Amino acid sequence: MENEKWLVIGEDSRLKELATMLRSPSRTVFYKRTTVWNEELNKLVLEYQPNKIILPILPLKIEVEQLYGISQVKFYTGRLTMHWKQLLEKNESICYLQQESFIWQNARLTAEGFIATFYGLEQKCIYGQNFTIAGFGRIAKMLASLLVKMGANVHIVARSVVQVSEAKAYGYKATNLDDRRWSITDDIFINTIPAKWITESFIEHVPAVLYDLASEPGCLDIDAEQLQTYVLLPSLPGKYFAHDAATILCKAIEEEEDC
């Protein structure tokens, strides 16, 4: 069997762990720590000639006019910009973010990562605290469940009638986001909506403490300096649980390889 050559790219600590996990007697894996696809990376790909490339969850910035050496490469991708989609349209590519088992396990690690961050920054117990969570997707569901089990009060706000109804069915207090029924002084606000929905019209209703778990660039469509406390928290699984985060990503990729 021909030895496979894999290239894992990204700055997230989980990706370095992933490269180690993927290595086998029939597979050589090289890890490149970077957030950009530049001339240096082009040179590496040309010299190494990988069969498969794993891209990070957040899209790499592109600093070259053309990607060299990728015509026969299979890609595993996270989020892709339109530019990236155009560049890879002739390649076989699989988005690991579309695999349900990975998404849910990653959401659980994100929720636990927030709790670790909360303890470190707030130095408060969770019991009895009031949390307002914007959105009711996978991360919000995992986080709300953990917080309630730890004795917190959770209020879900969302624009989607489906999400508000679902949150109520789970037993949470839930209201429409545009009704702005949260306390700007007493509630700890957590955003999970991957869109810039906090505009100037919301400025008087933005709480004193706002944690943003959505991917960059986050939920703000205003200057962060206008807020008392705004903390953007991307890539929590890789920050706190690099080995566990790499394990679930490795499993997702290996399952695709076995298909």
Protein backbone atom coordinates (compact mmCIF):
# COMPACT_ATOMS: atom_id res chain seq x y z
CA MET A 1 0.00 0.00 0.00
CA GLU A 2 1.30 3.45 -0.91
CA ASN A 3 2.15 5.57 2.10
CA GLU A 4 -0.40 8.37 2.56
CA LYS A 5 0.81 11.90 3.19
CA TRP A 6 -1.41 14.14 5.28
CA LEU A 7 -0.97 17.82 6.08
CA VAL A 8 -2.77 19.32 9.10
CA ILE A 9 -2.93 23.11 9.11
CA GLY A 10 -4.01 25.50 11.87
CA GLU A 11 -3.10 27.29 15.07
CA ASP A 12 -5.64 25.60 17.35
CA SER A 13 -3.91 23.26 19.84
CA ARG A 14 -6.31 20.43 18.96
CA LEU A 15 -4.83 20.28 15.46
CA LYS A 16 -1.34 19.52 16.72
CA GLU A 17 -2.84 16.71 18.79
CA LEU A 18 -4.84 15.56 15.77
CA ALA A 19 -1.70 15.23 13.67
CA THR A 20 -0.22 12.89 16.27
CA MET A 21 -3.39 10.80 16.45
CA LEU A 22 -3.62 10.36 12.69
CA ARG A 23 -0.10 8.99 12.28
CA SER A 24 0.22 5.29 11.46
CA PRO A 25 2.67 2.93 9.71
CA SER A 26 0.89 3.63 6.42
CA ARG A 27 0.33 7.34 7.00
CA THR A 28 2.83 10.19 7.36
CA VAL A 29 1.35 13.32 8.92
CA PHE A 30 2.93 16.79 8.95
CA TYR A 31 1.57 19.60 11.13
CA LYS A 32 1.93 23.25 10.10
CA ARG A 33 1.03 25.88 12.69
CA THR A 34 -0.34 28.88 10.82
CA THR A 35 -3.51 30.89 10.17
CA VAL A 36 -2.62 31.93 6.62
CA TRP A 37 -2.04 30.23 3.30
CA ASN A 38 1.00 32.11 2.02
CA GLU A 39 4.05 31.53 -0.18
CA GLU A 40 5.69 29.50 2.58
CA LEU A 41 2.72 27.14 2.72
CA ASN A 42 2.63 26.89 -1.07
CA LYS A 43 6.29 25.85 -1.01
CA LEU A 44 5.62 23.27 1.71
CA VAL A 45 2.75 21.69 -0.23
CA LEU A 46 4.83 21.51 -3.41
CA GLU A 47 7.73 19.85 -1.58
CA TYR A 48 5.71 17.53 0.67
CA GLN A 49 3.04 16.63 -1.92
CA PRO A 50 0.26 15.60 0.52
CA ASN A 51 -2.64 13.39 -0.51
CA LYS A 52 -4.94 14.94 2.07
CA ILE A 53 -5.08 18.30 3.82
CA ILE A 54 -7.04 19.13 6.97
CA LEU A 55 -8.01 22.79 7.32
CA PRO A 56 -8.92 24.44 10.65
CA ILE A 57 -12.45 25.29 11.76
CA LEU A 58 -11.98 28.98 10.94
CA PRO A 59 -10.92 29.65 7.33
CA LEU A 60 -7.28 30.40 6.63
CA LYS A 61 -6.49 33.86 5.33
CA ILE A 62 -5.24 33.63 1.75
CA GLU A 63 -2.16 35.68 0.88
CA VAL A 64 -1.34 34.17 -2.52
CA GLU A 65 -2.96 34.41 -5.93
CA GLN A 66 -2.98 30.64 -6.43
CA LEU A 67 -2.75 27.52 -4.26
CA TYR A 68 0.00 25.28 -5.57
CA GLY A 69 0.16 21.49 -5.49
CA ILE A 70 -3.47 20.82 -4.56
CA SER A 71 -4.96 19.43 -7.79
CA GLN A 72 -5.03 15.83 -6.51
CA VAL A 73 -5.57 16.64 -2.82
CA LYS A 74 -8.60 15.61 -0.78
CA PHE A 75 -9.56 18.28 1.76
CA TYR A 76 -11.21 18.07 5.16
CA THR A 77 -12.57 21.51 5.92
CA GLY A 78 -14.14 23.63 8.61
CA ARG A 79 -15.89 26.85 7.65
CA LEU A 80 -15.10 28.15 4.19
CA THR A 81 -15.43 31.61 2.69
CA MET A 82 -16.80 31.98 -0.83
CA HIS A 83 -13.23 32.44 -2.03
CA TRP A 84 -12.20 29.14 -0.45
CA LYS A 85 -15.20 27.36 -1.96
CA GLN A 86 -14.22 28.60 -5.40
CA LEU A 87 -10.60 27.49 -4.92
CA LEU A 88 -11.66 23.98 -3.89
CA GLU A 89 -14.55 23.46 -6.30
CA LYS A 90 -12.54 20.92 -8.35
CA ASN A 91 -11.24 19.05 -5.30
CA GLU A 92 -12.89 16.32 -3.30
CA SER A 93 -13.70 17.98 0.01
CA ILE A 94 -15.56 16.97 3.15
CA CYS A 95 -16.74 19.46 5.77
CA TYR A 96 -16.35 17.83 9.17
CA LEU A 97 -18.62 20.52 10.63
CA GLN A 98 -21.54 18.80 8.91
CA GLN A 99 -21.06 15.55 10.80
CA GLU A 100 -23.68 15.50 13.56
CA SER A 101 -21.68 13.44 16.06
CA PHE A 102 -18.74 15.87 15.81
CA ILE A 103 -20.97 18.95 16.07
CA TRP A 104 -22.70 17.79 19.25
CA GLN A 105 -19.52 16.60 20.97
CA ASN A 106 -17.79 19.86 20.05
CA ALA A 107 -20.78 21.79 21.44
CA ARG A 108 -20.44 19.91 24.74
CA LEU A 109 -16.75 20.82 25.00
CA THR A 110 -17.57 24.44 24.16
CA ALA A 111 -20.12 24.53 26.98
CA GLU A 112 -17.63 23.09 29.46
CA GLY A 113 -15.00 25.51 28.18
CA PHE A 114 -17.30 28.43 28.91
CA ILE A 115 -17.78 27.23 32.48
CA ALA A 116 -14.00 27.02 32.93
CA THR A 117 -13.69 30.56 31.56
CA PHE A 118 -16.48 31.83 33.80
CA TYR A 119 -14.80 30.49 36.92
CA GLY A 120 -11.48 32.04 35.92
CA LEU A 121 -12.81 35.48 35.02
CA GLU A 122 -15.75 35.92 37.38
CA GLN A 123 -14.49 33.95 40.38
CA LYS A 124 -18.11 33.22 41.28
CA CYS A 125 -20.08 30.04 41.70
CA ILE A 126 -22.69 29.26 39.06
CA TYR A 127 -25.40 28.30 41.56
CA GLY A 128 -28.04 31.04 41.79
CA GLN A 129 -26.64 33.14 38.94
CA ASN A 130 -28.92 34.49 36.21
CA PHE A 131 -27.82 33.63 32.67
CA THR A 132 -29.44 34.87 29.48
CA ILE A 133 -28.44 32.85 26.41
CA ALA A 134 -29.05 34.24 22.92
CA GLY A 135 -29.92 31.48 20.48
CA PHE A 136 -30.97 27.88 21.03
CA GLY A 137 -28.76 25.86 18.74
CA ARG A 138 -26.52 22.99 19.78
CA ILE A 139 -24.09 25.01 21.90
CA ALA A 140 -26.89 26.87 23.66
CA LYS A 141 -28.72 23.61 24.40
CA MET A 142 -25.63 21.96 25.88
CA LEU A 143 -24.73 25.04 27.91
CA ALA A 144 -28.25 25.65 29.23
CA SER A 145 -28.47 22.02 30.34
CA LEU A 146 -25.16 22.21 32.24
CA LEU A 147 -25.98 25.55 33.87
CA VAL A 148 -29.40 24.42 35.10
CA LYS A 149 -27.92 21.23 36.54
CA MET A 150 -25.48 23.43 38.47
CA GLY A 151 -28.30 25.50 39.96
CA ALA A 152 -28.32 28.52 37.65
CA ASN A 153 -31.37 30.34 36.33
CA VAL A 154 -31.45 30.29 32.52
CA HIS A 155 -33.40 32.54 30.17
CA ILE A 156 -33.32 31.76 26.44
CA VAL A 157 -33.83 34.57 23.90
CA ALA A 158 -34.11 33.93 20.17
CA ARG A 159 -35.69 35.42 17.06
CA SER A 160 -36.85 32.06 15.74
CA VAL A 161 -40.35 31.08 16.84
CA VAL A 162 -39.22 27.45 16.56
CA GLN A 163 -36.29 27.98 18.95
CA VAL A 164 -38.36 29.94 21.47
CA SER A 165 -41.06 27.25 21.41
CA GLU A 166 -38.49 24.48 21.72
CA ALA A 167 -36.79 26.17 24.68
CA LYS A 168 -40.15 26.51 26.44
CA ALA A 169 -40.86 22.83 25.77
CA TYR A 170 -37.57 21.99 27.50
CA GLY A 171 -38.78 23.95 30.52
CA TYR A 172 -36.70 27.11 30.13
CA LYS A 173 -37.93 30.65 30.39
CA ALA A 174 -37.85 31.79 26.76
CA THR A 175 -38.77 35.02 24.98
CA ASN A 176 -38.28 36.67 21.62
CA LEU A 177 -34.89 38.35 21.30
CA ASP A 178 -36.41 41.59 20.03
CA ASP A 179 -38.54 41.90 23.18
CA ARG A 180 -35.29 42.52 25.14
CA ARG A 181 -36.61 41.05 28.38
CA TRP A 182 -33.34 40.65 30.24
CA SER A 183 -31.70 42.62 33.02
CA ILE A 184 -28.72 44.68 31.87
CA THR A 185 -27.32 44.69 35.41
CA ASP A 186 -28.15 41.31 36.96
CA ASP A 187 -27.93 38.87 34.05
CA ILE A 188 -24.80 37.31 32.62
CA PHE A 189 -25.41 37.39 28.88
CA ILE A 190 -24.05 34.67 26.57
CA ASN A 191 -24.33 34.94 22.81
CA THR A 192 -24.34 31.81 20.64
CA ILE A 193 -25.85 33.36 17.50
CA PRO A 194 -23.28 33.46 14.65
CA ALA A 195 -24.37 36.84 13.29
CA LYS A 196 -23.76 40.53 14.00
CA TRP A 197 -27.12 41.21 15.59
CA ILE A 198 -26.08 43.68 18.32
CA THR A 199 -26.55 46.98 16.51
CA GLU A 200 -26.92 50.58 17.70
CA SER A 201 -30.62 49.92 18.30
CA PHE A 202 -29.63 47.41 20.99
CA ILE A 203 -27.04 49.58 22.73
CA GLU A 204 -29.30 50.52 25.66
CA HIS A 205 -30.16 46.87 26.22
CA VAL A 206 -26.70 45.33 26.06
CA PRO A 207 -25.91 43.85 29.48
CA ALA A 208 -22.92 44.84 31.57
CA VAL A 209 -21.30 41.43 31.03
CA LEU A 210 -21.45 39.82 27.57
CA TYR A 211 -19.69 36.59 26.63
CA ASP A 212 -19.65 35.72 22.94
CA LEU A 213 -19.33 32.03 22.05
CA ALA A 214 -20.09 32.54 18.36
CA SER A 215 -17.28 32.20 15.86
CA GLU A 216 -15.34 35.30 14.90
CA PRO A 217 -16.18 38.06 14.18
CA GLY A 218 -18.85 37.55 16.85
CA CYS A 219 -22.20 39.22 17.43
CA LEU A 220 -21.21 42.89 17.57
CA ASP A 221 -22.14 45.36 14.86
CA ILE A 222 -20.94 48.17 17.14
CA ASP A 223 -17.57 49.09 18.63
CA ALA A 224 -16.68 46.78 21.54
CA GLU A 225 -15.41 49.84 23.44
CA GLN A 226 -19.02 50.93 23.82
CA LEU A 227 -19.58 47.97 26.14
CA GLN A 228 -18.56 47.60 29.77
CA THR A 229 -17.41 43.97 29.45
CA TYR A 230 -17.27 42.06 26.17
CA VAL A 231 -15.38 38.78 25.94
CA LEU A 232 -15.08 36.94 22.61
CA LEU A 233 -14.44 33.24 23.24
CA PRO A 234 -13.73 31.35 20.01
CA SER A 235 -12.24 27.85 19.89
CA LEU A 236 -12.84 26.96 23.54
CA PRO A 237 -12.50 23.18 22.97
CA GLY A 238 -8.99 23.61 21.59
CA LYS A 239 -8.03 25.97 24.40
CA TYR A 240 -9.16 23.86 27.34
CA PHE A 241 -9.47 20.31 26.04
CA ALA A 242 -7.03 19.96 23.15
CA HIS A 243 -6.74 16.18 23.48
CA ASP A 244 -10.48 15.57 23.81
CA ALA A 245 -11.25 18.01 20.99
CA ALA A 246 -8.68 16.30 18.77
CA THR A 247 -10.14 12.89 19.61
CA ILE A 248 -13.64 13.75 18.39
CA LEU A 249 -12.26 15.40 15.25
CA CYS A 250 -10.02 12.40 14.57
CA LYS A 251 -12.99 10.06 14.96
CA ALA A 252 -15.05 12.15 12.53
CA ILE A 253 -12.29 12.05 9.93
CA GLU A 254 -11.54 8.35 10.38
CA GLU A 255 -15.25 7.56 9.95
CA GLU A 256 -15.23 9.41 6.64
CA GLU A 257 -12.10 7.53 5.57
CA ASP A 258 -13.80 4.20 6.31
CA CYS A 259 -16.87 5.04 4.23
